[in-house]
Amino acid sequence: MEKSIEQQSKNNKTMKVNIENLRQSVMMPTKEDRADWTNGLYLIYEDGHAEPFTGDNFKDCVRYIGLKHKDVSFAISLTEHKDVQLLDNDSREEFGNQIYYGRECDALFDMNGQRNTAQLIERNPKLSNLLKDDEYIPSLGQLNLIAHYQDNINDVLRYIGKEPLSSTWYWSSTEYSLSLSWYVHFFSGQTSNGNKCYSYRVRAVAAFTLFMSIKEKMNRGQQI
């Protein structure tokens, strides 16, 4: 009886380790796992799984388009908003410690759209009506990546029957000053800054982290 209990204890310990290893495989991707995913575009489905866009993917139930470029990855909304003002006559006065980027060379490295959007919403709460779930307005660095991949993104959007990106001005959430923010013209690729009361388009983004699932590791013959 004592041996049986001892054996059961060992089995329980083993099960606990296996569950922990499984949790780490699914929830805590290693640097090597992330490196296995190539740069490019992915389809993110309603059930949460993502797969590289090949042109032969299942078209239904796509929620976002994932973009991975080196160490940067995020999800792009399938729809956009036209004539968006970052500030209007009802906006609040500036308060707190605002973060501004007065030089383009610095602004282009800003990848923190989530923080920037929260800062903008503090002054203009109406912006939150444009965003669902955990979406935010892309930073200038993120927006430039979208512009860089514009043709490829539009191929994906047309493939799944959604509105493509337009060759016009898009707001980023990166602020130049109290009254100015950075934006990108998607036809020329030009980056500039303008008054936040101007009306430009917004294509929201959301967090997107790529890592290899257990099934994918098994398909590639890797040890779990």
C-alpha atoms as a PDB file:
ATOM      1  CA  MET A   1       0.000   0.000   0.000  1.00  0.00           C
ATOM      2  CA  GLU A   2       2.822   2.368   0.933  1.00  0.00           C
ATOM      3  CA  LYS A   3       4.619   1.588  -2.310  1.00  0.00           C
ATOM      4  CA  SER A   4       1.435   2.258  -4.245  1.00  0.00           C
ATOM      5  CA  ILE A   5       1.061   5.654  -2.593  1.00  0.00           C
ATOM      6  CA  GLU A   6       4.735   6.421  -3.225  1.00  0.00           C
ATOM      7  CA  GLN A   7       4.364   5.424  -6.874  1.00  0.00           C
ATOM      8  CA  GLN A   8       1.210   7.516  -7.188  1.00  0.00           C
ATOM      9  CA  SER A   9       3.068  10.492  -5.724  1.00  0.00           C
ATOM     10  CA  LYS A  10       5.814  10.056  -8.317  1.00  0.00           C
ATOM     11  CA  ASN A  11       3.235   9.838 -11.074  1.00  0.00           C
ATOM     12  CA  ASN A  12       1.554  13.020  -9.867  1.00  0.00           C
ATOM     13  CA  LYS A  13       4.900  14.796  -9.806  1.00  0.00           C
ATOM     14  CA  THR A  14       5.631  13.662 -13.344  1.00  0.00           C
ATOM     15  CA  MET A  15       2.217  14.820 -14.516  1.00  0.00           C
ATOM     16  CA  LYS A  16       2.810  18.200 -12.929  1.00  0.00           C
ATOM     17  CA  VAL A  17       6.125  18.590 -14.744  1.00  0.00           C
ATOM     18  CA  ASN A  18       4.552  17.555 -18.049  1.00  0.00           C
ATOM     19  CA  ILE A  19       1.734  20.058 -17.602  1.00  0.00           C
ATOM     20  CA  GLU A  20       4.244  22.760 -16.756  1.00  0.00           C
ATOM     21  CA  ASN A  21       6.285  21.921 -19.856  1.00  0.00           C
ATOM     22  CA  LEU A  22       3.119  22.011 -21.945  1.00  0.00           C
ATOM     23  CA  ARG A  23       2.186  25.403 -20.500  1.00  0.00           C
ATOM     24  CA  GLN A  24       5.617  26.769 -21.295  1.00  0.00           C
ATOM     25  CA  SER A  25       5.466  25.424 -24.844  1.00  0.00           C
ATOM     26  CA  VAL A  26       2.144  27.150 -25.471  1.00  0.00           C
ATOM     27  CA  MET A  27       2.395  30.345 -23.439  1.00  0.00           C
ATOM     28  CA  MET A  28       6.101  31.133 -23.115  1.00  0.00           C
ATOM     29  CA  PRO A  29       7.770  30.987 -26.562  1.00  0.00           C
ATOM     30  CA  THR A  30      11.550  30.949 -26.685  1.00  0.00           C
ATOM     31  CA  LYS A  31      13.616  33.241 -28.855  1.00  0.00           C
ATOM     32  CA  GLU A  32      14.305  30.270 -31.143  1.00  0.00           C
ATOM     33  CA  ASP A  33      10.555  29.629 -31.522  1.00  0.00           C
ATOM     34  CA  ARG A  34       9.898  33.194 -32.564  1.00  0.00           C
ATOM     35  CA  ALA A  35      12.756  33.071 -35.055  1.00  0.00           C
ATOM     36  CA  ASP A  36      11.108  30.136 -36.839  1.00  0.00           C
ATOM     37  CA  TRP A  37       8.371  32.432 -38.108  1.00  0.00           C
ATOM     38  CA  THR A  38       9.398  34.302 -41.237  1.00  0.00           C
ATOM     39  CA  ASN A  39       8.820  37.969 -41.971  1.00  0.00           C
ATOM     40  CA  GLY A  40       5.600  38.655 -43.812  1.00  0.00           C
ATOM     41  CA  LEU A  41       1.843  38.437 -43.425  1.00  0.00           C
ATOM     42  CA  TYR A  42      -0.392  36.053 -41.520  1.00  0.00           C
ATOM     43  CA  LEU A  43      -4.100  35.408 -41.278  1.00  0.00           C
ATOM     44  CA  ILE A  44      -5.389  35.570 -37.708  1.00  0.00           C
ATOM     45  CA  TYR A  45      -8.681  33.730 -37.248  1.00  0.00           C
ATOM     46  CA  GLU A  46     -11.544  34.216 -34.810  1.00  0.00           C
ATOM     47  CA  ASP A  47     -10.447  31.168 -32.802  1.00  0.00           C
ATOM     48  CA  GLY A  48      -7.049  32.793 -32.199  1.00  0.00           C
ATOM     49  CA  HIS A  49      -4.831  30.676 -34.416  1.00  0.00           C
ATOM     50  CA  ALA A  50      -2.621  32.257 -37.073  1.00  0.00           C
ATOM     51  CA  GLU A  51      -1.056  30.926 -40.249  1.00  0.00           C
ATOM     52  CA  PRO A  52       1.161  32.403 -42.976  1.00  0.00           C
ATOM     53  CA  PHE A  53      -0.727  33.833 -45.934  1.00  0.00           C
ATOM     54  CA  THR A  54      -0.203  31.607 -48.967  1.00  0.00           C
ATOM     55  CA  GLY A  55      -3.128  32.428 -51.240  1.00  0.00           C
ATOM     56  CA  ASP A  56      -4.705  29.049 -50.499  1.00  0.00           C
ATOM     57  CA  ASN A  57      -5.886  29.839 -46.968  1.00  0.00           C
ATOM     58  CA  PHE A  58      -9.399  29.438 -45.642  1.00  0.00           C
ATOM     59  CA  LYS A  59     -11.120  32.805 -46.233  1.00  0.00           C
ATOM     60  CA  ASP A  60     -13.864  32.741 -43.618  1.00  0.00           C
ATOM     61  CA  CYS A  61     -13.626  33.812 -39.964  1.00  0.00           C
ATOM     62  CA  VAL A  62     -10.488  35.945 -40.445  1.00  0.00           C
ATOM     63  CA  ARG A  63     -10.270  38.548 -37.689  1.00  0.00           C
ATOM     64  CA  TYR A  64      -6.997  40.372 -38.424  1.00  0.00           C
ATOM     65  CA  ILE A  65      -3.983  40.365 -40.687  1.00  0.00           C
ATOM     66  CA  GLY A  66      -0.772  39.746 -38.794  1.00  0.00           C
ATOM     67  CA  LEU A  67       2.415  41.521 -39.838  1.00  0.00           C
ATOM     68  CA  LYS A  68       5.857  40.360 -38.731  1.00  0.00           C
ATOM     69  CA  HIS A  69       9.006  42.310 -39.559  1.00  0.00           C
ATOM     70  CA  LYS A  70      12.115  41.158 -37.710  1.00  0.00           C
ATOM     71  CA  ASP A  71      11.364  41.578 -33.991  1.00  0.00           C
ATOM     72  CA  VAL A  72       8.195  43.631 -34.568  1.00  0.00           C
ATOM     73  CA  SER A  73       4.769  42.046 -34.976  1.00  0.00           C
ATOM     74  CA  PHE A  74       1.221  43.357 -34.690  1.00  0.00           C
ATOM     75  CA  ALA A  75      -2.273  42.732 -36.058  1.00  0.00           C
ATOM     76  CA  ILE A  76      -3.945  45.004 -38.621  1.00  0.00           C
ATOM     77  CA  SER A  77      -7.681  45.673 -38.634  1.00  0.00           C
ATOM     78  CA  LEU A  78      -9.687  44.582 -41.683  1.00  0.00           C
ATOM     79  CA  THR A  79     -11.546  47.920 -41.723  1.00  0.00           C
ATOM     80  CA  GLU A  80     -10.612  51.564 -41.352  1.00  0.00           C
ATOM     81  CA  HIS A  81     -12.081  54.926 -40.382  1.00  0.00           C
ATOM     82  CA  LYS A  82     -12.184  57.964 -42.654  1.00  0.00           C
ATOM     83  CA  ASP A  83     -12.046  61.662 -41.718  1.00  0.00           C
ATOM     84  CA  VAL A  84     -10.655  61.134 -38.236  1.00  0.00           C
ATOM     85  CA  GLN A  85      -9.580  64.140 -36.174  1.00  0.00           C
ATOM     86  CA  LEU A  86      -7.170  63.361 -33.368  1.00  0.00           C
ATOM     87  CA  LEU A  87      -8.341  66.555 -31.660  1.00  0.00           C
ATOM     88  CA  ASP A  88     -11.483  68.625 -32.094  1.00  0.00           C
ATOM     89  CA  ASN A  89     -13.274  71.525 -30.391  1.00  0.00           C
ATOM     90  CA  ASP A  90     -14.393  69.296 -27.538  1.00  0.00           C
ATOM     91  CA  SER A  91     -10.916  67.994 -26.719  1.00  0.00           C
ATOM     92  CA  ARG A  92      -9.431  68.533 -23.280  1.00  0.00           C
ATOM     93  CA  GLU A  93      -6.412  70.644 -22.441  1.00  0.00           C
ATOM     94  CA  GLU A  94      -2.998  69.015 -22.193  1.00  0.00           C
ATOM     95  CA  PHE A  95      -2.099  67.621 -18.783  1.00  0.00           C
ATOM     96  CA  GLY A  96       0.500  65.339 -17.228  1.00  0.00           C
ATOM     97  CA  ASN A  97       3.800  64.350 -18.830  1.00  0.00           C
ATOM     98  CA  GLN A  98       3.135  64.098 -22.554  1.00  0.00           C
ATOM     99  CA  ILE A  99       5.605  62.302 -24.843  1.00  0.00           C
ATOM    100  CA  TYR A 100       6.464  64.117 -28.080  1.00  0.00           C
ATOM    101  CA  TYR A 101       8.804  63.352 -30.982  1.00  0.00           C
ATOM    102  CA  GLY A 102      10.095  66.557 -32.530  1.00  0.00           C
ATOM    103  CA  ARG A 103      12.577  64.845 -34.883  1.00  0.00           C
ATOM    104  CA  GLU A 104      11.529  62.480 -37.662  1.00  0.00           C
ATOM    105  CA  CYS A 105      14.563  60.251 -37.104  1.00  0.00           C
ATOM    106  CA  ASP A 106      13.330  59.602 -33.553  1.00  0.00           C
ATOM    107  CA  ALA A 107       9.644  59.349 -34.441  1.00  0.00           C
ATOM    108  CA  LEU A 108      10.327  56.611 -37.011  1.00  0.00           C
ATOM    109  CA  PHE A 109      11.634  54.363 -34.235  1.00  0.00           C
ATOM    110  CA  ASP A 110       8.522  54.792 -32.088  1.00  0.00           C
ATOM    111  CA  MET A 111       6.721  51.439 -31.865  1.00  0.00           C
ATOM    112  CA  ASN A 112       4.569  52.148 -28.814  1.00  0.00           C
ATOM    113  CA  GLY A 113       1.226  52.873 -30.429  1.00  0.00           C
ATOM    114  CA  GLN A 114      -0.673  51.543 -27.431  1.00  0.00           C
ATOM    115  CA  ARG A 115       0.854  54.103 -25.079  1.00  0.00           C
ATOM    116  CA  ASN A 116       0.460  56.903 -27.621  1.00  0.00           C
ATOM    117  CA  THR A 117      -3.222  56.097 -28.202  1.00  0.00           C
ATOM    118  CA  ALA A 118      -3.943  56.145 -24.471  1.00  0.00           C
ATOM    119  CA  GLN A 119      -2.320  59.579 -24.356  1.00  0.00           C
ATOM    120  CA  LEU A 120      -4.490  60.841 -27.235  1.00  0.00           C
ATOM    121  CA  ILE A 121      -7.691  59.406 -25.725  1.00  0.00           C
ATOM    122  CA  GLU A 122      -7.005  61.312 -22.492  1.00  0.00           C
ATOM    123  CA  ARG A 123      -7.495  64.504 -24.494  1.00  0.00           C
ATOM    124  CA  ASN A 124     -10.072  63.222 -26.986  1.00  0.00           C
ATOM    125  CA  PRO A 125     -12.191  60.388 -25.508  1.00  0.00           C
ATOM    126  CA  LYS A 126     -14.157  60.132 -28.782  1.00  0.00           C
ATOM    127  CA  LEU A 127     -11.231  58.233 -30.310  1.00  0.00           C
ATOM    128  CA  SER A 128     -12.082  55.220 -28.163  1.00  0.00           C
ATOM    129  CA  ASN A 129     -15.302  54.821 -30.190  1.00  0.00           C
ATOM    130  CA  LEU A 130     -13.168  53.928 -33.221  1.00  0.00           C
ATOM    131  CA  LEU A 131     -11.346  51.116 -31.447  1.00  0.00           C
ATOM    132  CA  LYS A 132     -12.661  47.735 -30.370  1.00  0.00           C
ATOM    133  CA  ASP A 133     -11.261  45.248 -27.881  1.00  0.00           C
ATOM    134  CA  ASP A 134      -7.572  46.104 -27.376  1.00  0.00           C
ATOM    135  CA  GLU A 135      -7.053  47.991 -30.633  1.00  0.00           C
ATOM    136  CA  TYR A 136      -5.034  51.182 -30.868  1.00  0.00           C
ATOM    137  CA  ILE A 137      -3.806  53.694 -33.450  1.00  0.00           C
ATOM    138  CA  PRO A 138      -0.424  52.574 -34.844  1.00  0.00           C
ATOM    139  CA  SER A 139       2.711  54.481 -33.956  1.00  0.00           C
ATOM    140  CA  LEU A 140       4.711  56.087 -36.751  1.00  0.00           C
ATOM    141  CA  GLY A 141       7.109  53.145 -36.806  1.00  0.00           C
ATOM    142  CA  GLN A 142       4.239  50.686 -37.126  1.00  0.00           C
ATOM    143  CA  LEU A 143       2.450  52.809 -39.720  1.00  0.00           C
ATOM    144  CA  ASN A 144       5.576  52.957 -41.859  1.00  0.00           C
ATOM    145  CA  LEU A 145       5.750  49.166 -41.809  1.00  0.00           C
ATOM    146  CA  ILE A 146       2.123  49.011 -42.967  1.00  0.00           C
ATOM    147  CA  ALA A 147       2.963  51.436 -45.785  1.00  0.00           C
ATOM    148  CA  HIS A 148       6.038  49.368 -46.675  1.00  0.00           C
ATOM    149  CA  TYR A 149       3.924  46.199 -46.962  1.00  0.00           C
ATOM    150  CA  GLN A 150       0.916  48.006 -48.465  1.00  0.00           C
ATOM    151  CA  ASP A 151       0.760  46.090 -51.758  1.00  0.00           C
ATOM    152  CA  ASN A 152       1.060  42.729 -50.004  1.00  0.00           C
ATOM    153  CA  ILE A 153      -1.493  43.699 -47.364  1.00  0.00           C
ATOM    154  CA  ASN A 154      -3.927  44.765 -50.082  1.00  0.00           C
ATOM    155  CA  ASP A 155      -3.484  41.404 -51.798  1.00  0.00           C
ATOM    156  CA  VAL A 156      -4.552  39.719 -48.548  1.00  0.00           C
ATOM    157  CA  LEU A 157      -7.448  42.117 -47.975  1.00  0.00           C
ATOM    158  CA  ARG A 158      -8.794  41.519 -51.484  1.00  0.00           C
ATOM    159  CA  TYR A 159      -8.332  37.777 -51.074  1.00  0.00           C
ATOM    160  CA  ILE A 160     -10.643  37.750 -48.035  1.00  0.00           C
ATOM    161  CA  GLY A 161     -13.031  40.326 -49.541  1.00  0.00           C
ATOM    162  CA  LYS A 162     -12.157  43.323 -47.358  1.00  0.00           C
ATOM    163  CA  GLU A 163     -11.463  46.993 -48.105  1.00  0.00           C
ATOM    164  CA  PRO A 164      -7.841  47.571 -49.201  1.00  0.00           C
ATOM    165  CA  LEU A 165      -5.613  50.310 -47.886  1.00  0.00           C
ATOM    166  CA  SER A 166      -5.962  53.597 -49.746  1.00  0.00           C
ATOM    167  CA  SER A 167      -3.221  55.704 -51.326  1.00  0.00           C
ATOM    168  CA  THR A 168      -3.839  58.642 -49.020  1.00  0.00           C
ATOM    169  CA  TRP A 169      -2.924  60.121 -45.631  1.00  0.00           C
ATOM    170  CA  TYR A 170      -3.092  57.986 -42.489  1.00  0.00           C
ATOM    171  CA  TRP A 171      -2.687  59.204 -38.938  1.00  0.00           C
ATOM    172  CA  SER A 172      -0.163  57.648 -36.592  1.00  0.00           C
ATOM    173  CA  SER A 173      -0.497  57.990 -32.830  1.00  0.00           C
ATOM    174  CA  THR A 174       3.023  59.445 -32.537  1.00  0.00           C
ATOM    175  CA  GLU A 175       2.746  63.086 -31.512  1.00  0.00           C
ATOM    176  CA  TYR A 176       5.059  65.846 -32.688  1.00  0.00           C
ATOM    177  CA  SER A 177       3.811  68.466 -30.235  1.00  0.00           C
ATOM    178  CA  LEU A 178       0.719  69.631 -28.382  1.00  0.00           C
ATOM    179  CA  SER A 179      -1.105  70.443 -31.632  1.00  0.00           C
ATOM    180  CA  LEU A 180       0.725  68.324 -34.244  1.00  0.00           C
ATOM    181  CA  SER A 181       1.030  64.596 -34.948  1.00  0.00           C
ATOM    182  CA  TRP A 182       2.921  62.470 -37.463  1.00  0.00           C
ATOM    183  CA  TYR A 183       1.229  60.891 -40.482  1.00  0.00           C
ATOM    184  CA  VAL A 184       2.175  58.935 -43.614  1.00  0.00           C
ATOM    185  CA  HIS A 185       1.028  59.325 -47.209  1.00  0.00           C
ATOM    186  CA  PHE A 186       0.590  55.778 -48.501  1.00  0.00           C
ATOM    187  CA  PHE A 187       1.088  56.593 -52.192  1.00  0.00           C
ATOM    188  CA  SER A 188       4.379  58.490 -51.936  1.00  0.00           C
ATOM    189  CA  GLY A 189       5.554  57.028 -48.637  1.00  0.00           C
ATOM    190  CA  GLN A 190       6.121  60.571 -47.397  1.00  0.00           C
ATOM    191  CA  THR A 191       6.192  61.099 -43.641  1.00  0.00           C
ATOM    192  CA  SER A 192       5.219  64.466 -42.201  1.00  0.00           C
ATOM    193  CA  ASN A 193       3.390  66.090 -39.323  1.00  0.00           C
ATOM    194  CA  GLY A 194       0.228  68.174 -39.297  1.00  0.00           C
ATOM    195  CA  ASN A 195      -2.438  69.696 -37.134  1.00  0.00           C
ATOM    196  CA  LYS A 196      -4.379  67.121 -35.139  1.00  0.00           C
ATOM    197  CA  CYS A 197      -7.621  68.777 -36.249  1.00  0.00           C
ATOM    198  CA  TYR A 198      -6.963  67.688 -39.859  1.00  0.00           C
ATOM    199  CA  SER A 199      -9.125  64.799 -41.068  1.00  0.00           C
ATOM    200  CA  TYR A 200      -7.148  61.748 -42.167  1.00  0.00           C
ATOM    201  CA  ARG A 201      -7.738  57.994 -42.121  1.00  0.00           C
ATOM    202  CA  VAL A 202      -7.022  55.579 -39.280  1.00  0.00           C
ATOM    203  CA  ARG A 203      -6.378  51.859 -39.671  1.00  0.00           C
ATOM    204  CA  ALA A 204      -6.299  50.368 -36.167  1.00  0.00           C
ATOM    205  CA  VAL A 205      -3.886  47.667 -35.018  1.00  0.00           C
ATOM    206  CA  ALA A 206      -3.687  45.289 -32.061  1.00  0.00           C
ATOM    207  CA  ALA A 207      -1.118  43.174 -30.261  1.00  0.00           C
ATOM    208  CA  PHE A 208       0.026  40.032 -32.066  1.00  0.00           C
ATOM    209  CA  THR A 209       2.738  37.686 -30.794  1.00  0.00           C
ATOM    210  CA  LEU A 210       3.871  34.801 -32.942  1.00  0.00           C
ATOM    211  CA  PHE A 211       5.093  31.546 -31.540  1.00  0.00           C
ATOM    212  CA  MET A 212       5.111  27.955 -32.685  1.00  0.00           C
ATOM    213  CA  SER A 213       2.308  25.725 -31.451  1.00  0.00           C
ATOM    214  CA  ILE A 214       2.882  22.146 -30.297  1.00  0.00           C
ATOM    215  CA  LYS A 215       1.241  20.791 -33.449  1.00  0.00           C
ATOM    216  CA  GLU A 216       3.537  22.884 -35.647  1.00  0.00           C
ATOM    217  CA  LYS A 217       6.587  21.718 -33.708  1.00  0.00           C
ATOM    218  CA  MET A 218       5.527  18.106 -34.205  1.00  0.00           C
ATOM    219  CA  ASN A 219       5.010  18.716 -37.928  1.00  0.00           C
ATOM    220  CA  ARG A 220       8.542  20.088 -38.122  1.00  0.00           C
ATOM    221  CA  GLY A 221       9.932  17.125 -36.168  1.00  0.00           C
ATOM    222  CA  GLN A 222      11.088  19.240 -33.237  1.00  0.00           C
ATOM    223  CA  GLN A 223      11.256  17.905 -29.687  1.00  0.00           C
ATOM    224  CA  ILE A 224       8.688  19.328 -27.251  1.00  0.00           C
END
